[in-house]
Amino acid sequence: MKTPQLLDTIAILKPISIDRLSLMEAEYDFNSALPVGLVGTIVDIHQDNQGVDYLVEFADSDGCEFAIAYLKANEFLTLQYELTAA
């Protein structure tokens, strides 16, 4: 399995609670969490003695950012658009 990289496109595998988000646009209402399957982009990778955190930006179809959150690798799936050799 490929290690997630900067600018990879991801889809979240479990709901991300609202208290873990920095919301950029108040018009979006997520109730209590971002839904499973929502697509985002890794915009920063932070590594320390407690592990690796990925800062993921979520944007609408116009490219306007509406939320960001730090996620662990087990909370998302990296989307792949090209076939790679094993």
Protein backbone atom coordinates (compact mmCIF):
# COMPACT_ATOMS: atom_id res chain seq x y z
CA MET A 1 0.00 0.00 0.00
CA LYS A 2 1.30 3.43 -0.98
CA THR A 3 2.04 5.97 1.76
CA PRO A 4 -0.24 9.02 1.44
CA GLN A 5 1.55 12.00 -0.12
CA LEU A 6 1.05 15.74 -0.27
CA LEU A 7 -1.77 16.68 -2.70
CA ASP A 8 -3.20 13.14 -2.83
CA THR A 9 -6.97 12.97 -3.20
CA ILE A 10 -8.64 11.00 -0.40
CA ALA A 11 -12.09 9.80 0.66
CA ILE A 12 -12.94 9.54 4.35
CA LEU A 13 -13.78 6.08 5.69
CA LYS A 14 -15.57 7.07 8.90
CA PRO A 15 -17.49 10.16 9.95
CA ILE A 16 -15.26 13.03 11.12
CA SER A 17 -16.92 14.82 14.03
CA ILE A 18 -17.52 18.54 13.82
CA ASP A 19 -15.34 19.21 16.87
CA ARG A 20 -12.28 18.04 14.88
CA LEU A 21 -12.94 20.46 12.01
CA SER A 22 -11.97 24.01 11.25
CA LEU A 23 -14.95 25.30 9.27
CA MET A 24 -14.34 28.00 6.68
CA GLU A 25 -17.90 28.51 5.48
CA ALA A 26 -20.79 28.80 7.91
CA GLU A 27 -23.35 27.99 5.20
CA TYR A 28 -22.42 24.30 5.21
CA ASP A 29 -24.32 22.25 7.77
CA PHE A 30 -22.87 18.86 8.61
CA ASN A 31 -25.05 18.14 11.64
CA SER A 32 -22.46 16.40 13.81
CA ALA A 33 -19.89 15.05 11.32
CA LEU A 34 -18.49 15.04 7.80
CA PRO A 35 -20.08 12.06 6.02
CA VAL A 36 -18.29 8.90 4.96
CA GLY A 37 -17.08 9.08 1.37
CA LEU A 38 -16.48 12.82 1.31
CA VAL A 39 -13.48 13.63 -0.89
CA GLY A 40 -10.64 15.92 0.15
CA THR A 41 -7.00 16.76 -0.60
CA ILE A 42 -3.95 16.32 1.63
CA VAL A 43 -2.42 19.80 2.00
CA ASP A 44 0.10 19.16 4.79
CA ILE A 45 1.73 16.22 6.55
CA HIS A 46 2.80 16.53 10.17
CA GLN A 47 4.98 13.90 11.83
CA ASP A 48 6.02 13.80 15.47
CA ASN A 49 6.76 11.19 18.12
CA GLN A 50 3.03 10.31 18.28
CA GLY A 51 2.75 9.47 14.59
CA VAL A 52 1.73 11.07 11.32
CA ASP A 53 -1.23 13.43 10.87
CA TYR A 54 -2.52 14.52 7.49
CA LEU A 55 -4.12 17.95 7.11
CA VAL A 56 -6.97 17.44 4.66
CA GLU A 57 -8.83 20.25 2.91
CA PHE A 58 -12.43 19.76 1.83
CA ALA A 59 -13.76 21.97 -0.97
CA ASP A 60 -17.01 22.32 -2.89
CA SER A 61 -17.41 21.77 -6.64
CA ASP A 62 -16.35 25.40 -7.26
CA GLY A 63 -13.07 24.80 -5.44
CA CYS A 64 -14.00 26.87 -2.38
CA GLU A 65 -12.60 25.39 0.83
CA PHE A 66 -15.26 24.79 3.47
CA ALA A 67 -13.42 22.70 6.09
CA ILE A 68 -10.05 21.30 7.12
CA ALA A 69 -9.15 18.54 9.56
CA TYR A 70 -6.15 16.54 10.72
CA LEU A 71 -6.72 12.85 9.96
CA LYS A 72 -4.83 9.63 10.63
CA ALA A 73 -4.06 7.31 7.70
CA ASN A 74 -6.63 4.74 8.92
CA GLU A 75 -9.43 7.32 8.59
CA PHE A 76 -9.19 7.72 4.83
CA LEU A 77 -8.54 5.93 1.56
CA THR A 78 -6.16 7.42 -0.99
CA LEU A 79 -7.91 7.57 -4.35
CA GLN A 80 -6.00 6.29 -7.34
CA TYR A 81 -6.68 7.37 -10.89
CA GLU A 82 -3.99 5.40 -12.71
CA LEU A 83 -3.14 1.73 -12.73
CA THR A 84 0.23 1.11 -11.09
CA ALA A 85 2.33 -2.03 -11.42
CA ALA A 86 2.55 -4.18 -8.32
